[in-house]
Amino acid sequence: MKKSKILLGVAVIAVTGFFAIAADHMDAPAVTGGSNDITDFYAFQGQNTNNIVFVTNVQALLSPTDTQSAKFDENTMLEINIDTNGDAIEDLVIQAIPKDGKMYFFGPIAPAQTGLSSTVRSTGMASNVAITAPGANAIIATNAGMSFFAGPRDDPFFFDVDQYKAIIAGTATGFENPGTDSYAGTNVLSVVVEVPKSMIGGSGKINSWVETKRKQ
C-alpha cells in the first residue's frame, strides 16, 4: 500500500480481523534513508488475545554496517492514529518520540487536534524504553498493561524486486515460488507498542494509520 510523503510519512490500514499490513520500501529522495521514511506498518492481535500490537518500521534497507550507526531522528515523532468509529478521523493517538537513547511514548489519548499537525500529548499515559542497541538482546518495557520496544530488527518484509521489474517490463508473467527475497540481510528501525484492547474501545473494528512528523 503506497504512502504519501510530503513533510510526513503515512501508512494506512483497516483492522477487522487479527492481522493487517502496509508496506513501502521505495520512496521519494526527500524521505528515503531517514527515520521519517516508513517501510512497514503492522497491526495484529497479540499473543494475549486481549491486546492489539502496532509495529512501525522505518529507515529501509540498512546493511549490517549501516545498522551500527542508524539512529531514530530526535526531531521526528512517530504517531499511530486510531479511528474507532469508522469516520476516517483519528479518535486516539499513540506518539513515540526518541530522546537521549530512549523512546518516549504518550497515549493512547485523544489528539489535541486531528489532521496533519500534531501536538505532543504529554498529559496522557507516559512510558519510555531504552532503545535496543544493534546486536543486543531486545529491551522491552511495560507499564499499565502496555509493552514497548524500539530498536533495529531484521526487515521482515519479503519481496522479489527483480521479478517485479521483469513483470512490469513484460518479460515475466508472474512471481516465482518461492522467489528471491531482495531485502534479505537488511534491517529496519522498529517501534512496537502492545496495547490492551480496553484502552482503545470502539465497535470492534478500527482503522489505523501511522505518520512520521518533523518538529517545526
Protein backbone atom coordinates (compact mmCIF):
# COMPACT_ATOMS: atom_id res chain seq x y z
CA MET A 1 0.00 0.00 0.00
CA LYS A 2 1.55 3.28 -1.09
CA LYS A 3 2.15 6.03 1.43
CA SER A 4 2.03 9.71 0.54
CA LYS A 5 5.02 11.70 1.70
CA ILE A 6 5.22 15.47 1.91
CA LEU A 7 6.64 16.62 5.23
CA LEU A 8 5.36 13.45 6.82
CA GLY A 9 5.07 9.76 6.06
CA VAL A 10 1.76 7.96 6.17
CA ALA A 11 0.71 4.32 6.04
CA VAL A 12 -2.95 3.35 6.45
CA ILE A 13 -4.63 0.02 7.25
CA ALA A 14 -8.01 -1.20 8.42
CA VAL A 15 -8.03 -3.81 11.15
CA THR A 16 -11.07 -6.06 11.02
CA GLY A 17 -9.56 -9.40 11.94
CA PHE A 18 -6.29 -10.20 13.62
CA PHE A 19 -3.62 -9.10 11.13
CA ALA A 20 -3.05 -6.33 8.61
CA ILE A 21 -0.01 -4.83 6.91
CA ALA A 22 1.00 -1.84 4.83
CA ALA A 23 4.45 -1.74 3.24
CA ASP A 24 6.57 0.56 1.08
CA HIS A 25 10.35 0.37 0.69
CA MET A 26 11.00 2.72 -2.21
CA ASP A 27 10.18 6.37 -1.62
CA ALA A 28 10.99 9.84 -2.86
CA PRO A 29 14.57 11.06 -2.27
CA ALA A 30 13.35 13.59 0.32
CA VAL A 31 12.50 10.83 2.79
CA THR A 32 14.47 7.75 1.70
CA GLY A 33 17.07 6.64 4.22
CA GLY A 34 15.82 8.68 7.17
CA SER A 35 13.74 7.64 10.14
CA ASN A 36 10.75 9.57 8.77
CA ASP A 37 10.67 7.01 5.93
CA ILE A 38 8.02 4.43 6.89
CA THR A 39 8.73 0.99 5.40
CA ASP A 40 6.10 -1.20 7.09
CA PHE A 41 3.11 -0.84 9.38
CA TYR A 42 1.57 -3.92 11.01
CA ALA A 43 -1.39 -4.32 13.36
CA PHE A 44 -2.36 -7.68 14.80
CA GLN A 45 -3.88 -9.38 17.78
CA GLY A 46 -1.33 -10.10 20.48
CA GLN A 47 -0.40 -13.48 21.91
CA ASN A 48 -2.60 -12.24 24.72
CA THR A 49 -5.81 -12.02 22.72
CA ASN A 50 -6.99 -9.12 24.86
CA ASN A 51 -4.24 -6.98 23.33
CA ILE A 52 -3.50 -5.44 19.94
CA VAL A 53 0.04 -4.88 18.68
CA PHE A 54 1.15 -2.00 16.45
CA VAL A 55 4.52 -2.26 14.69
CA THR A 56 6.06 0.56 12.68
CA ASN A 57 9.33 0.07 10.79
CA VAL A 58 11.33 2.97 9.38
CA GLN A 59 14.59 3.55 7.52
CA ALA A 60 14.65 0.75 4.95
CA LEU A 61 17.46 -1.34 3.52
CA LEU A 62 20.02 -0.85 6.30
CA SER A 63 23.07 -3.04 5.77
CA PRO A 64 24.59 -4.67 8.86
CA THR A 65 27.32 -1.99 8.76
CA ASP A 66 24.88 0.89 8.38
CA THR A 67 22.74 -0.52 11.20
CA GLN A 68 25.55 0.11 13.68
CA SER A 69 25.22 3.87 13.21
CA ALA A 70 21.50 4.12 12.39
CA LYS A 71 19.50 6.25 14.82
CA PHE A 72 15.98 7.49 15.28
CA ASP A 73 15.77 11.20 14.42
CA GLU A 74 15.10 13.18 17.60
CA ASN A 75 13.25 15.79 15.53
CA THR A 76 10.80 13.22 14.17
CA MET A 77 7.73 12.00 16.04
CA LEU A 78 6.08 8.73 15.09
CA GLU A 79 2.31 8.90 15.57
CA ILE A 80 -0.03 5.90 15.43
CA ASN A 81 -3.57 7.08 14.68
CA ILE A 82 -6.61 5.01 15.65
CA ASP A 83 -10.13 5.61 14.31
CA THR A 84 -12.67 3.71 16.41
CA ASN A 85 -15.95 4.82 14.77
CA GLY A 86 -15.28 4.43 11.06
CA ASP A 87 -15.20 8.09 10.06
CA ALA A 88 -11.51 8.00 8.99
CA ILE A 89 -10.62 10.64 11.61
CA GLU A 90 -8.32 9.71 14.45
CA ASP A 91 -10.04 9.33 17.82
CA LEU A 92 -6.86 8.25 19.63
CA VAL A 93 -3.16 8.60 19.04
CA ILE A 94 -0.04 6.90 20.37
CA GLN A 95 3.01 9.13 19.99
CA ALA A 96 6.62 7.93 20.08
CA ILE A 97 9.50 10.40 20.39
CA PRO A 98 13.22 9.48 20.67
CA LYS A 99 15.48 11.40 23.04
CA ASP A 100 18.90 10.63 24.53
CA GLY A 101 18.85 6.91 23.86
CA LYS A 102 15.24 6.32 24.90
CA MET A 103 11.91 6.19 23.09
CA TYR A 104 9.18 8.08 24.93
CA PHE A 105 5.54 7.08 24.42
CA PHE A 106 2.37 9.05 25.07
CA GLY A 107 -1.15 7.64 24.78
CA PRO A 108 -3.40 6.15 23.68
CA ILE A 109 -5.09 9.50 24.13
CA ALA A 110 -7.38 11.81 22.14
CA PRO A 111 -5.33 14.10 19.88
CA ALA A 112 -5.09 17.80 20.59
CA GLN A 113 -6.23 18.32 17.01
CA THR A 114 -6.85 16.00 14.07
CA GLY A 115 -5.14 16.09 10.71
CA LEU A 116 -1.58 16.72 9.63
CA SER A 117 -0.50 18.93 12.55
CA SER A 118 0.11 17.38 15.96
CA THR A 119 0.92 18.46 19.49
CA VAL A 120 2.72 16.15 21.90
CA ARG A 121 0.09 14.78 24.30
CA SER A 122 2.34 14.57 27.34
CA THR A 123 -0.67 14.72 29.68
CA GLY A 124 -1.63 11.18 28.63
CA MET A 125 -0.22 7.82 29.68
CA ALA A 126 3.56 8.28 29.57
CA SER A 127 6.12 5.49 29.24
CA ASN A 128 9.62 5.02 27.90
CA VAL A 129 12.01 2.26 26.89
CA ALA A 130 15.74 2.28 26.28
CA ILE A 131 16.46 1.94 22.56
CA THR A 132 17.98 -1.50 21.97
CA ALA A 133 21.48 -1.38 20.52
CA PRO A 134 22.35 -3.34 17.33
CA GLY A 135 23.05 -6.97 18.13
CA ALA A 136 21.86 -6.68 21.74
CA ASN A 137 19.02 -8.59 23.35
CA ALA A 138 15.70 -6.81 22.94
CA ILE A 139 14.84 -4.38 25.74
CA ILE A 140 11.11 -4.38 26.49
CA ALA A 141 9.42 -2.03 28.95
CA THR A 142 5.94 -2.47 30.40
CA ASN A 143 3.51 -0.05 32.00
CA ALA A 144 -0.23 -0.28 32.78
CA GLY A 145 -0.63 -3.42 30.68
CA MET A 146 1.21 -1.94 27.70
CA SER A 147 4.56 -3.13 26.30
CA PHE A 148 7.14 -1.14 24.33
CA PHE A 149 10.19 -1.76 22.15
CA ALA A 150 12.37 0.43 19.93
CA GLY A 151 15.50 -0.53 18.01
CA PRO A 152 16.93 -2.29 14.95
CA ARG A 153 15.37 -5.52 13.68
CA ASP A 154 15.78 -7.73 10.63
CA ASP A 155 13.48 -6.47 7.87
CA PRO A 156 10.52 -8.91 7.92
CA PHE A 157 9.13 -7.90 4.55
CA PHE A 158 9.61 -10.33 1.62
CA PHE A 159 9.63 -9.01 -1.92
CA ASP A 160 11.31 -10.10 -5.15
CA VAL A 161 12.26 -6.75 -6.70
CA ASP A 162 13.95 -8.18 -9.82
CA GLN A 163 10.96 -10.37 -10.67
CA TYR A 164 8.63 -7.42 -10.09
CA LYS A 165 10.68 -5.35 -12.56
CA ALA A 166 10.53 -8.20 -15.06
CA ILE A 167 6.73 -8.34 -14.76
CA ILE A 168 6.48 -4.57 -15.29
CA ALA A 169 8.79 -4.82 -18.30
CA GLY A 170 6.67 -7.60 -19.80
CA THR A 171 9.43 -10.22 -19.72
CA ALA A 172 7.74 -12.27 -16.97
CA THR A 173 4.09 -13.09 -16.31
CA GLY A 174 4.16 -13.59 -12.55
CA PHE A 175 6.17 -14.14 -9.41
CA GLU A 176 8.16 -17.32 -8.85
CA ASN A 177 7.68 -19.67 -5.91
CA PRO A 178 9.48 -19.08 -3.60
CA GLY A 179 11.26 -16.26 -5.42
CA THR A 180 14.21 -14.24 -4.11
CA ASP A 181 13.94 -12.03 -1.04
CA SER A 182 15.51 -8.76 -2.17
CA TYR A 183 15.52 -7.49 1.42
CA ALA A 184 17.32 -10.47 2.95
CA GLY A 185 20.19 -9.36 5.15
CA THR A 186 18.88 -5.81 5.59
CA ASN A 187 17.49 -4.19 8.71
CA VAL A 188 15.00 -1.55 9.76
CA LEU A 189 14.46 0.56 12.86
CA SER A 190 11.35 -0.74 14.58
CA VAL A 191 8.88 0.69 17.11
CA VAL A 192 6.49 -1.78 18.74
CA VAL A 193 3.58 -1.00 21.08
CA GLU A 194 1.26 -3.63 22.55
CA VAL A 195 -1.94 -2.17 23.97
CA PRO A 196 -4.91 -3.69 25.83
CA LYS A 197 -7.97 -3.50 23.60
CA SER A 198 -9.84 -1.99 26.54
CA MET A 199 -7.71 1.16 26.14
CA ILE A 200 -8.95 1.57 22.58
CA GLY A 201 -12.63 0.67 22.79
CA GLY A 202 -14.83 1.20 19.77
CA SER A 203 -17.14 -1.21 17.97
CA GLY A 204 -14.58 -3.97 17.42
CA LYS A 205 -13.36 -2.63 14.08
CA ILE A 206 -10.73 0.10 13.85
CA ASN A 207 -8.90 1.98 11.14
CA SER A 208 -5.26 2.69 11.92
CA TRP A 209 -2.54 4.62 10.19
CA VAL A 210 0.91 5.84 11.14
CA GLU A 211 2.59 9.13 10.39
CA THR A 212 6.06 10.50 10.91
CA LYS A 213 6.13 14.21 11.62
CA ARG A 214 9.10 16.53 11.83
CA LYS A 215 9.38 19.08 14.61
CA GLN A 216 8.51 22.52 13.26
